[in-house]
Structures are given as C-alpha cells and as structure tokens.
Amino acid sequence: MLQLRPNCECCNRDLPPETLEARICSFECTFCAECTDNHLQGICPNCSGELVRRPVRPAAKLLNNPASTERVFKSQGCACE
C-alpha cells in the first residue's frame, strides 16, 4: 500500500492525501508537481525513476489506511542526487 507521504522532498510543500499535485516514483519518493515539472523534468533525483501522479486514496479508506506522517525533506532541495 502506498505511504502517501505528506510533503515534497524538494521544497517541503504540504501534499495532503487528496491532492492531485503529488508525484511519486516506484520507490514512493514524493514531490510536488511544480518541482517535478520545473526542476526535475519528470525524473526522480534519488533513483532516476519516472515521476507520475500519485493516486488519491478515497476518504473513506483513509480511516483504516491513513496517510503517512513521516516527512522526508532533502535540505539541498531539488539538486539532490
């Protein structure tokens, strides 16, 4: 099950579970759409995987399967490799 991490690793922007602005790779590294499009060109800086829109978990399912509260933030921002 996807963790649904709560923030962008580059800019630390909040990404709530219902947002359409979250992007993930196959390792669940999480970024906002702005960082993905403007800085990362759709490629994860951690694993070189493709970044795609994160699916939205239905609100009713969040009750028993909550989103992660663990924040991952790279202090070097979108320049991380």
Protein backbone atom coordinates (compact mmCIF):
# COMPACT_ATOMS: atom_id res chain seq x y z
CA MET A 1 0.00 0.00 0.00
CA LEU A 2 1.32 3.46 -0.85
CA GLN A 3 2.54 5.53 2.07
CA LEU A 4 1.08 8.81 0.78
CA ARG A 5 3.93 10.87 2.19
CA PRO A 6 2.83 14.32 3.40
CA ASN A 7 5.34 16.63 1.67
CA CYS A 8 7.57 17.35 -1.32
CA GLU A 9 11.15 16.20 -0.77
CA CYS A 10 12.48 19.25 -2.66
CA CYS A 11 10.55 22.25 -1.37
CA ASN A 12 8.80 20.73 1.68
CA ARG A 13 5.37 21.82 0.38
CA ASP A 14 2.49 20.02 2.10
CA LEU A 15 0.86 17.34 -0.07
CA PRO A 16 -2.33 16.14 1.64
CA PRO A 17 -3.73 12.73 0.63
CA GLU A 18 -6.46 14.28 -1.54
CA THR A 19 -4.18 16.48 -3.66
CA LEU A 20 -3.73 15.98 -7.38
CA GLU A 21 -0.37 17.81 -7.17
CA ALA A 22 1.69 14.92 -5.71
CA ARG A 23 4.10 12.94 -7.89
CA ILE A 24 5.82 9.68 -6.94
CA CYS A 25 8.33 7.21 -8.36
CA SER A 26 8.20 3.42 -7.94
CA PHE A 27 10.06 3.80 -4.61
CA GLU A 28 7.44 6.30 -3.38
CA CYS A 29 9.81 9.26 -3.35
CA THR A 30 7.35 12.15 -3.30
CA PHE A 31 7.49 15.56 -4.99
CA CYS A 32 5.05 18.31 -5.88
CA ALA A 33 4.02 18.89 -9.50
CA GLU A 34 5.87 22.22 -9.64
CA CYS A 35 9.23 20.73 -8.61
CA THR A 36 8.65 17.70 -10.86
CA ASP A 37 7.91 19.84 -13.91
CA ASN A 38 10.23 22.81 -13.36
CA HIS A 39 13.29 21.27 -11.73
CA LEU A 40 13.27 17.50 -12.15
CA GLN A 41 11.91 17.11 -15.70
CA GLY A 42 9.79 14.17 -14.52
CA ILE A 43 12.72 12.11 -13.23
CA CYS A 44 13.29 11.20 -9.57
CA PRO A 45 16.63 12.60 -8.37
CA ASN A 46 17.00 9.71 -5.91
CA CYS A 47 16.56 6.67 -8.17
CA SER A 48 16.26 8.11 -11.73
CA GLY A 49 12.75 6.64 -11.99
CA GLU A 50 9.78 8.24 -13.70
CA LEU A 51 7.64 10.54 -11.57
CA VAL A 52 3.90 10.09 -12.10
CA ARG A 53 0.77 11.49 -10.44
CA ARG A 54 0.14 9.87 -7.09
CA PRO A 55 -3.30 8.24 -6.90
CA VAL A 56 -5.79 9.67 -4.44
CA ARG A 57 -6.96 7.29 -1.72
CA PRO A 58 -10.73 7.62 -1.16
CA ALA A 59 -11.50 9.48 2.06
CA ALA A 60 -13.45 6.54 3.48
CA LYS A 61 -10.39 4.30 3.06
CA LEU A 62 -8.12 6.79 4.85
CA LEU A 63 -9.92 5.98 8.12
CA ASN A 64 -8.46 2.46 8.27
CA ASN A 65 -5.46 3.12 6.00
CA PRO A 66 -4.16 6.59 6.93
CA ALA A 67 -1.55 8.53 5.02
CA SER A 68 1.99 8.60 6.36
CA THR A 69 3.01 11.38 8.73
CA GLU A 70 6.74 10.85 8.10
CA ARG A 71 8.19 13.88 6.35
CA VAL A 72 11.15 13.39 4.01
CA PHE A 73 12.93 16.62 3.11
CA LYS A 74 16.29 16.98 1.38
CA SER A 75 17.93 20.15 2.68
CA GLN A 76 19.66 20.60 -0.69
CA GLY A 77 16.25 20.74 -2.38
CA CYS A 78 15.80 19.63 -5.97
CA ALA A 79 19.55 19.35 -6.51
CA CYS A 80 19.65 16.07 -4.59
CA GLU A 81 21.27 13.07 -6.28
